[in-house]
């Protein structure tokens, strides 16, 4: 039986400078993602769209969600398969195509996970589990574009 899960949060625009959206340049793109008992996430648009470069933008949060979901499924699968992961990092890259009318869409995302496993004998299976993690990832399954994986794996017992 399928299970349904619902997620919610509050998004609050914080960029009104007193005259609201009286013109395209009259307001800031700043906003906050708010959830009780969690730290607020300060956001803006990308600087190319008049945003604050010191704050996360939706495009960065989107590729972070893909990377994070993949990692969580990957670690789960490693644990289930006796692969002991001792370190994991990723530097995901997303490509967005902006159309002449200002709309746009992501064309692809590539994950570059760097994984350290306990023993060299675990590397082959550890690399293979990225494909299965992609198949199970909630966020990847919600995307209408290809998510590529270019993993690197090393072991603690390699010299």
N, C-alpha and C. Protein backbone atom coordinates (compact mmCIF):
# COMPACT_ATOMS: atom_id res chain seq x y z
N UNK A 1 0.84 -1.19 0.00
CA UNK A 1 0.00 0.00 0.00
C UNK A 1 0.89 1.25 0.00
N UNK A 2 0.59 2.17 -0.89
CA UNK A 2 1.34 3.42 -0.96
C UNK A 2 1.04 4.28 0.26
N UNK A 3 2.02 5.03 0.68
CA UNK A 3 1.85 5.97 1.80
C UNK A 3 1.95 7.38 1.26
N UNK A 4 1.16 8.26 1.77
CA UNK A 4 1.22 9.67 1.39
C UNK A 4 1.89 10.46 2.50
N UNK A 5 2.74 11.39 2.11
CA UNK A 5 3.42 12.28 3.06
C UNK A 5 3.20 13.70 2.58
N UNK A 6 2.96 14.59 3.49
CA UNK A 6 2.77 15.99 3.13
C UNK A 6 3.84 16.82 3.82
N UNK A 7 4.35 17.80 3.10
CA UNK A 7 5.38 18.68 3.64
C UNK A 7 4.89 20.11 3.53
N UNK A 8 5.22 20.90 4.53
CA UNK A 8 4.82 22.31 4.50
C UNK A 8 5.86 23.16 5.20
N UNK A 9 5.84 24.40 4.89
CA UNK A 9 6.71 25.38 5.51
C UNK A 9 6.10 26.75 5.24
N UNK A 10 6.75 27.77 5.70
CA UNK A 10 6.29 29.14 5.43
C UNK A 10 7.38 29.84 4.62
N UNK A 11 6.96 30.52 3.59
CA UNK A 11 7.85 31.37 2.81
C UNK A 11 7.38 32.80 3.01
N UNK A 12 8.29 33.68 3.41
CA UNK A 12 7.93 35.07 3.72
C UNK A 12 8.83 36.01 2.93
N UNK A 13 8.21 36.83 2.09
CA UNK A 13 8.96 37.86 1.35
C UNK A 13 9.39 38.93 2.33
N UNK A 14 10.65 39.29 2.33
CA UNK A 14 11.21 40.30 3.25
C UNK A 14 11.81 41.48 2.50
N UNK A 15 11.53 41.59 1.21
CA UNK A 15 12.22 42.56 0.38
C UNK A 15 11.46 43.82 0.04
N UNK A 16 10.36 44.08 0.72
CA UNK A 16 9.64 45.32 0.43
C UNK A 16 10.40 46.51 1.00
N UNK A 17 10.65 47.49 0.18
CA UNK A 17 11.37 48.69 0.61
C UNK A 17 10.43 49.86 0.87
N UNK A 18 9.19 49.58 1.11
CA UNK A 18 8.23 50.63 1.40
C UNK A 18 7.28 50.94 0.26
N UNK A 19 7.70 50.69 -0.97
CA UNK A 19 6.80 50.97 -2.09
C UNK A 19 6.40 49.68 -2.81
N UNK A 20 6.69 48.54 -2.19
CA UNK A 20 6.29 47.25 -2.76
C UNK A 20 6.83 47.06 -4.16
N UNK A 21 6.01 46.52 -5.03
CA UNK A 21 6.42 46.24 -6.40
C UNK A 21 5.96 47.35 -7.35
N UNK A 22 6.12 48.58 -6.91
CA UNK A 22 5.72 49.72 -7.75
C UNK A 22 6.53 49.77 -9.05
N UNK A 23 7.71 49.17 -9.06
CA UNK A 23 8.49 49.00 -10.29
C UNK A 23 9.40 47.79 -10.10
N UNK A 24 9.95 47.30 -11.20
CA UNK A 24 10.81 46.12 -11.16
C UNK A 24 12.05 46.34 -10.30
N UNK A 25 12.52 47.56 -10.21
CA UNK A 25 13.73 47.85 -9.44
C UNK A 25 13.43 48.37 -8.03
N UNK A 26 12.16 48.47 -7.66
CA UNK A 26 11.78 49.07 -6.38
C UNK A 26 11.83 48.11 -5.19
N UNK A 27 12.04 46.85 -5.45
CA UNK A 27 11.98 45.88 -4.35
C UNK A 27 13.16 44.92 -4.40
N UNK A 28 13.44 44.38 -3.23
CA UNK A 28 14.47 43.34 -3.12
C UNK A 28 13.83 41.98 -3.31
N UNK A 29 14.62 41.03 -3.71
CA UNK A 29 14.12 39.66 -3.92
C UNK A 29 14.28 38.80 -2.66
N UNK A 30 14.64 39.41 -1.55
CA UNK A 30 14.90 38.68 -0.30
C UNK A 30 13.63 38.05 0.25
N UNK A 31 13.82 36.84 0.75
CA UNK A 31 12.73 36.11 1.40
C UNK A 31 13.33 35.07 2.34
N UNK A 32 12.50 34.54 3.20
CA UNK A 32 12.95 33.54 4.16
C UNK A 32 12.09 32.30 4.06
N UNK A 33 12.73 31.14 4.26
CA UNK A 33 12.02 29.89 4.40
C UNK A 33 11.98 29.61 5.90
N UNK A 34 10.79 29.41 6.42
CA UNK A 34 10.60 29.34 7.86
C UNK A 34 9.87 28.04 8.22
N UNK A 35 10.37 27.36 9.21
CA UNK A 35 9.73 26.15 9.72
C UNK A 35 9.97 26.11 11.23
N UNK A 36 8.91 25.91 11.98
CA UNK A 36 9.02 25.88 13.44
C UNK A 36 10.07 24.86 13.88
N UNK A 37 10.87 25.26 14.86
CA UNK A 37 11.95 24.45 15.44
C UNK A 37 13.12 24.22 14.49
N UNK A 38 13.21 25.01 13.43
CA UNK A 38 14.35 24.92 12.51
C UNK A 38 14.88 26.32 12.26
N UNK A 39 16.15 26.38 11.83
CA UNK A 39 16.74 27.67 11.50
C UNK A 39 16.12 28.19 10.21
N UNK A 40 15.88 29.49 10.17
CA UNK A 40 15.39 30.11 8.94
C UNK A 40 16.47 30.01 7.86
N UNK A 41 16.04 29.89 6.63
CA UNK A 41 16.96 29.92 5.49
C UNK A 41 16.72 31.24 4.77
N UNK A 42 17.75 32.06 4.72
CA UNK A 42 17.64 33.37 4.07
C UNK A 42 17.91 33.20 2.57
N UNK A 43 16.98 33.69 1.77
CA UNK A 43 17.04 33.47 0.34
C UNK A 43 16.87 34.77 -0.44
N UNK A 44 17.20 34.68 -1.70
CA UNK A 44 17.00 35.76 -2.64
C UNK A 44 16.96 35.13 -4.02
N UNK A 45 16.91 35.94 -5.04
CA UNK A 45 17.06 35.40 -6.39
C UNK A 45 18.55 35.39 -6.73
N UNK A 46 18.89 34.74 -7.80
CA UNK A 46 20.26 34.75 -8.29
C UNK A 46 20.66 36.20 -8.58
N UNK A 47 21.90 36.58 -8.35
CA UNK A 47 22.32 37.96 -8.63
C UNK A 47 22.03 38.41 -10.06
N UNK A 48 22.06 37.49 -11.02
CA UNK A 48 21.76 37.87 -12.40
C UNK A 48 20.31 38.35 -12.55
N UNK A 49 19.46 37.98 -11.58
CA UNK A 49 18.06 38.40 -11.57
C UNK A 49 17.79 39.39 -10.44
N UNK A 50 18.78 40.25 -10.15
CA UNK A 50 18.69 41.31 -9.16
C UNK A 50 18.66 40.80 -7.71
N UNK A 51 19.25 39.63 -7.47
CA UNK A 51 19.24 39.04 -6.15
C UNK A 51 20.48 39.36 -5.33
N UNK A 52 20.43 38.94 -4.08
CA UNK A 52 21.51 39.14 -3.12
C UNK A 52 22.44 37.94 -3.18
N UNK A 53 23.69 38.15 -3.57
CA UNK A 53 24.64 37.05 -3.74
C UNK A 53 25.02 36.37 -2.43
N UNK A 54 24.69 36.97 -1.29
CA UNK A 54 25.04 36.37 -0.01
C UNK A 54 23.96 35.41 0.51
N UNK A 55 22.87 35.27 -0.25
CA UNK A 55 21.76 34.41 0.17
C UNK A 55 21.55 33.30 -0.85
N UNK A 56 21.01 32.18 -0.38
CA UNK A 56 20.70 31.08 -1.28
C UNK A 56 19.59 31.48 -2.23
N UNK A 57 19.66 30.97 -3.46
CA UNK A 57 18.58 31.22 -4.42
C UNK A 57 17.86 29.91 -4.71
N UNK A 58 16.67 29.97 -5.30
CA UNK A 58 15.89 28.75 -5.54
C UNK A 58 16.64 27.72 -6.38
N UNK A 59 17.42 28.18 -7.33
CA UNK A 59 18.16 27.24 -8.18
C UNK A 59 19.19 26.46 -7.37
N UNK A 60 19.88 27.13 -6.46
CA UNK A 60 20.84 26.43 -5.58
C UNK A 60 20.13 25.46 -4.65
N UNK A 61 19.00 25.89 -4.11
CA UNK A 61 18.25 25.01 -3.22
C UNK A 61 17.73 23.78 -3.96
N UNK A 62 17.39 23.96 -5.22
CA UNK A 62 16.91 22.86 -6.04
C UNK A 62 18.00 21.81 -6.24
N UNK A 63 19.20 22.23 -6.64
CA UNK A 63 20.26 21.24 -6.83
C UNK A 63 20.71 20.66 -5.49
N UNK A 64 20.60 21.45 -4.42
CA UNK A 64 20.91 20.93 -3.08
C UNK A 64 19.92 19.83 -2.70
N UNK A 65 18.65 20.01 -3.03
CA UNK A 65 17.64 19.00 -2.72
C UNK A 65 17.92 17.70 -3.48
N UNK A 66 18.30 17.81 -4.74
CA UNK A 66 18.63 16.62 -5.54
C UNK A 66 19.83 15.91 -4.92
N UNK A 67 20.88 16.66 -4.62
CA UNK A 67 22.09 16.08 -4.06
C UNK A 67 21.84 15.45 -2.70
N UNK A 68 21.10 16.14 -1.86
CA UNK A 68 20.82 15.65 -0.51
C UNK A 68 19.99 14.38 -0.54
N UNK A 69 18.95 14.35 -1.35
CA UNK A 69 18.09 13.17 -1.44
C UNK A 69 18.90 11.97 -1.96
N UNK A 70 19.72 12.21 -2.97
CA UNK A 70 20.56 11.13 -3.51
C UNK A 70 21.48 10.58 -2.42
N UNK A 71 22.13 11.48 -1.68
CA UNK A 71 23.05 11.05 -0.63
C UNK A 71 22.33 10.20 0.42
N UNK A 72 21.15 10.65 0.84
CA UNK A 72 20.43 9.92 1.89
C UNK A 72 20.02 8.52 1.43
N UNK A 73 19.56 8.40 0.18
CA UNK A 73 19.24 7.07 -0.35
C UNK A 73 20.52 6.23 -0.50
N UNK A 74 21.57 6.85 -0.97
CA UNK A 74 22.83 6.14 -1.17
C UNK A 74 23.35 5.57 0.16
N UNK A 75 23.38 6.39 1.19
CA UNK A 75 23.85 5.92 2.50
C UNK A 75 22.98 4.78 3.03
N UNK A 76 21.67 4.89 2.83
CA UNK A 76 20.73 3.83 3.22
C UNK A 76 21.09 2.52 2.51
N UNK A 77 21.29 2.60 1.20
CA UNK A 77 21.61 1.41 0.42
C UNK A 77 22.96 0.83 0.82
N UNK A 78 23.93 1.69 1.10
CA UNK A 78 25.23 1.20 1.56
C UNK A 78 25.09 0.46 2.87
N UNK A 79 24.35 1.04 3.80
CA UNK A 79 24.15 0.37 5.09
C UNK A 79 23.48 -0.99 4.90
N UNK A 80 22.46 -1.06 4.04
CA UNK A 80 21.76 -2.32 3.77
C UNK A 80 22.65 -3.35 3.10
N UNK A 81 23.68 -2.91 2.37
CA UNK A 81 24.53 -3.81 1.61
C UNK A 81 25.90 -4.04 2.24
N UNK A 82 26.07 -3.65 3.48
CA UNK A 82 27.33 -3.90 4.18
C UNK A 82 28.49 -3.03 3.71
N UNK A 83 28.19 -1.93 3.05
CA UNK A 83 29.23 -0.99 2.61
C UNK A 83 29.37 0.07 3.69
N UNK A 84 30.52 0.17 4.31
CA UNK A 84 30.73 1.13 5.40
C UNK A 84 31.30 2.42 4.81
N UNK A 85 30.45 3.44 4.72
CA UNK A 85 30.86 4.75 4.23
C UNK A 85 31.33 5.57 5.43
N UNK A 86 32.53 6.15 5.32
CA UNK A 86 33.05 6.96 6.42
C UNK A 86 33.10 8.45 6.08
N UNK A 87 32.92 8.77 4.78
CA UNK A 87 32.89 10.18 4.38
C UNK A 87 32.16 10.30 3.06
N UNK A 88 31.45 11.42 2.89
CA UNK A 88 30.69 11.66 1.66
C UNK A 88 30.61 13.16 1.44
N UNK A 89 30.91 13.59 0.24
CA UNK A 89 30.71 14.99 -0.13
C UNK A 89 30.30 15.03 -1.60
N UNK A 90 29.70 16.13 -2.00
CA UNK A 90 29.24 16.27 -3.37
C UNK A 90 29.36 17.73 -3.79
N UNK A 91 29.63 17.95 -5.04
CA UNK A 91 29.67 19.29 -5.63
C UNK A 91 28.75 19.31 -6.84
N UNK A 92 27.42 19.29 -6.60
CA UNK A 92 26.48 19.18 -7.72
C UNK A 92 26.50 20.42 -8.61
N UNK A 93 26.22 20.19 -9.90
CA UNK A 93 26.16 21.26 -10.88
C UNK A 93 24.87 21.12 -11.66
N UNK A 94 24.09 22.20 -11.73
CA UNK A 94 22.86 22.20 -12.51
C UNK A 94 22.95 23.21 -13.63
N UNK A 95 22.41 22.85 -14.77
CA UNK A 95 22.40 23.75 -15.93
C UNK A 95 20.98 24.19 -16.22
N UNK A 96 20.78 25.50 -16.22
CA UNK A 96 19.48 26.09 -16.46
C UNK A 96 19.52 26.83 -17.79
N UNK A 97 18.50 26.62 -18.60
CA UNK A 97 18.38 27.30 -19.88
C UNK A 97 17.30 28.37 -19.75
N UNK A 98 17.71 29.62 -19.91
CA UNK A 98 16.76 30.73 -19.84
C UNK A 98 16.26 31.06 -21.24
N UNK A 99 14.95 31.15 -21.40
CA UNK A 99 14.33 31.45 -22.69
C UNK A 99 14.24 32.95 -22.89
N UNK A 100 13.98 33.35 -24.14
CA UNK A 100 13.89 34.77 -24.47
C UNK A 100 12.79 35.48 -23.69
N UNK A 101 11.72 34.76 -23.34
CA UNK A 101 10.62 35.40 -22.61
C UNK A 101 10.88 35.49 -21.11
N UNK A 102 12.05 35.05 -20.66
CA UNK A 102 12.41 35.12 -19.24
C UNK A 102 12.14 33.83 -18.48
N UNK A 103 11.36 32.93 -19.06
CA UNK A 103 11.14 31.64 -18.41
C UNK A 103 12.41 30.80 -18.55
N UNK A 104 12.40 29.64 -17.98
CA UNK A 104 13.55 28.78 -18.09
C UNK A 104 13.30 27.43 -17.48
N UNK A 105 14.26 26.55 -17.64
CA UNK A 105 14.16 25.22 -17.04
C UNK A 105 15.56 24.60 -16.94
N UNK A 106 15.68 23.69 -15.99
CA UNK A 106 16.92 22.94 -15.86
C UNK A 106 16.98 21.91 -16.99
N UNK A 107 18.12 21.80 -17.62
CA UNK A 107 18.30 20.81 -18.67
C UNK A 107 18.94 19.54 -18.14
N UNK A 108 19.73 19.67 -17.09
CA UNK A 108 20.36 18.51 -16.48
C UNK A 108 21.04 18.94 -15.18
N UNK A 109 21.29 17.94 -14.36
CA UNK A 109 22.07 18.13 -13.13
C UNK A 109 23.07 16.99 -13.08
N UNK A 110 24.29 17.30 -12.68
CA UNK A 110 25.32 16.28 -12.50
C UNK A 110 25.78 16.31 -11.05
N UNK A 111 25.77 15.14 -10.44
CA UNK A 111 26.27 14.98 -9.08
C UNK A 111 27.70 14.43 -9.17
N UNK A 112 28.56 14.94 -8.29
CA UNK A 112 29.96 14.52 -8.24
C UNK A 112 30.29 14.01 -6.83
N UNK A 113 29.61 12.94 -6.40
CA UNK A 113 29.88 12.46 -5.05
C UNK A 113 31.28 11.88 -4.90
N UNK A 114 31.92 12.23 -3.80
CA UNK A 114 33.22 11.66 -3.43
C UNK A 114 32.98 10.88 -2.14
N UNK A 115 33.16 9.58 -2.23
CA UNK A 115 32.82 8.67 -1.14
C UNK A 115 34.08 7.98 -0.64
N UNK A 116 34.20 7.90 0.67
CA UNK A 116 35.25 7.09 1.28
C UNK A 116 34.58 5.92 1.98
N UNK A 117 35.06 4.72 1.66
CA UNK A 117 34.55 3.51 2.30
C UNK A 117 35.65 2.91 3.16
N UNK A 118 35.25 2.02 4.04
CA UNK A 118 36.18 1.43 5.01
C UNK A 118 37.26 0.58 4.34
N UNK A 119 36.85 -0.24 3.36
CA UNK A 119 37.81 -1.17 2.75
C UNK A 119 37.76 -1.10 1.22
N UNK A 120 38.92 -1.33 0.61
CA UNK A 120 39.04 -1.29 -0.85
C UNK A 120 38.07 -2.27 -1.52
N UNK A 121 37.83 -3.40 -0.90
CA UNK A 121 36.94 -4.42 -1.48
C UNK A 121 35.49 -3.92 -1.61
N UNK A 122 35.16 -2.81 -1.00
CA UNK A 122 33.80 -2.27 -1.03
C UNK A 122 33.59 -1.28 -2.19
N UNK A 123 34.65 -0.86 -2.85
CA UNK A 123 34.56 0.22 -3.84
C UNK A 123 33.64 -0.11 -5.01
N UNK A 124 33.78 -1.28 -5.60
CA UNK A 124 32.98 -1.61 -6.78
C UNK A 124 31.48 -1.57 -6.47
N UNK A 125 31.08 -2.19 -5.39
CA UNK A 125 29.66 -2.20 -5.00
C UNK A 125 29.21 -0.79 -4.62
N UNK A 126 30.08 -0.06 -3.94
CA UNK A 126 29.75 1.32 -3.54
C UNK A 126 29.45 2.17 -4.77
N UNK A 127 30.26 2.05 -5.80
CA UNK A 127 30.02 2.81 -7.03
C UNK A 127 28.71 2.41 -7.70
N UNK A 128 28.42 1.12 -7.71
CA UNK A 128 27.20 0.62 -8.36
C UNK A 128 25.93 1.11 -7.67
N UNK A 129 25.99 1.35 -6.39
CA UNK A 129 24.78 1.74 -5.65
C UNK A 129 24.28 3.15 -5.99
N UNK A 130 25.09 3.96 -6.66
CA UNK A 130 24.62 5.29 -7.06
C UNK A 130 23.44 5.18 -8.03
N UNK A 131 23.49 4.22 -8.93
CA UNK A 131 22.40 4.04 -9.89
C UNK A 131 21.09 3.69 -9.17
N UNK A 132 21.17 2.77 -8.22
CA UNK A 132 19.98 2.38 -7.46
C UNK A 132 19.46 3.55 -6.62
N UNK A 133 20.36 4.32 -6.04
CA UNK A 133 19.94 5.49 -5.26
C UNK A 133 19.18 6.47 -6.14
N UNK A 134 19.63 6.64 -7.37
CA UNK A 134 18.95 7.54 -8.29
C UNK A 134 17.54 7.03 -8.61
N UNK A 135 17.40 5.71 -8.74
CA UNK A 135 16.09 5.12 -9.03
C UNK A 135 15.10 5.33 -7.88
N UNK A 136 15.61 5.39 -6.65
CA UNK A 136 14.75 5.49 -5.48
C UNK A 136 14.53 6.92 -4.99
N UNK A 137 15.39 7.84 -5.39
CA UNK A 137 15.37 9.21 -4.88
C UNK A 137 14.06 9.92 -5.21
N UNK A 138 13.38 10.42 -4.19
CA UNK A 138 12.10 11.11 -4.36
C UNK A 138 12.24 12.33 -5.26
N UNK A 139 13.29 13.09 -5.05
CA UNK A 139 13.48 14.33 -5.81
C UNK A 139 13.83 14.00 -7.26
N UNK A 140 14.74 13.07 -7.48
CA UNK A 140 15.11 12.68 -8.85
C UNK A 140 13.89 12.16 -9.60
N UNK A 141 13.05 11.41 -8.92
CA UNK A 141 11.84 10.88 -9.57
C UNK A 141 10.83 11.98 -9.89
N UNK A 142 11.02 13.15 -9.36
CA UNK A 142 10.11 14.28 -9.61
C UNK A 142 10.64 15.22 -10.70
N UNK A 143 11.81 14.94 -11.21
CA UNK A 143 12.43 15.80 -12.22
C UNK A 143 12.13 15.29 -13.63
N UNK A 144 12.04 16.21 -14.57
CA UNK A 144 11.77 15.83 -15.96
C UNK A 144 13.02 15.95 -16.83
N UNK A 145 14.18 15.79 -16.23
CA UNK A 145 15.44 15.84 -16.95
C UNK A 145 16.39 14.81 -16.35
N UNK A 146 17.46 14.55 -17.05
CA UNK A 146 18.43 13.55 -16.64
C UNK A 146 19.31 14.06 -15.50
N UNK A 147 19.52 13.20 -14.53
CA UNK A 147 20.47 13.47 -13.45
C UNK A 147 21.64 12.52 -13.65
N UNK A 148 22.80 13.10 -13.90
CA UNK A 148 24.01 12.32 -14.15
C UNK A 148 24.78 12.14 -12.84
N UNK A 149 25.58 11.09 -12.79
CA UNK A 149 26.40 10.80 -11.61
C UNK A 149 27.82 10.53 -12.06
N UNK A 150 28.75 11.23 -11.47
CA UNK A 150 30.17 11.00 -11.74
C UNK A 150 30.86 10.79 -10.39
N UNK A 151 30.65 9.61 -9.82
CA UNK A 151 31.19 9.35 -8.48
C UNK A 151 32.67 9.04 -8.49
N UNK A 152 33.29 9.32 -7.38
CA UNK A 152 34.66 8.91 -7.09
C UNK A 152 34.62 8.20 -5.75
N UNK A 153 35.31 7.10 -5.66
CA UNK A 153 35.29 6.34 -4.41
C UNK A 153 36.71 5.93 -4.06
N UNK A 154 37.02 6.06 -2.80
CA UNK A 154 38.33 5.63 -2.29
C UNK A 154 38.10 4.89 -0.97
N UNK A 155 39.14 4.22 -0.54
CA UNK A 155 38.98 3.48 0.72
C UNK A 155 39.98 3.97 1.75
N UNK A 156 39.63 3.73 2.99
CA UNK A 156 40.53 4.11 4.09
C UNK A 156 41.77 3.25 4.10
N UNK A 157 41.69 2.01 3.60
CA UNK A 157 42.84 1.10 3.68
C UNK A 157 43.76 1.18 2.46
N UNK A 158 43.48 2.12 1.52
CA UNK A 158 44.39 2.32 0.39
C UNK A 158 45.58 3.17 0.84
N UNK A 159 46.74 2.86 0.28
CA UNK A 159 47.90 3.67 0.66
C UNK A 159 48.13 4.80 -0.30
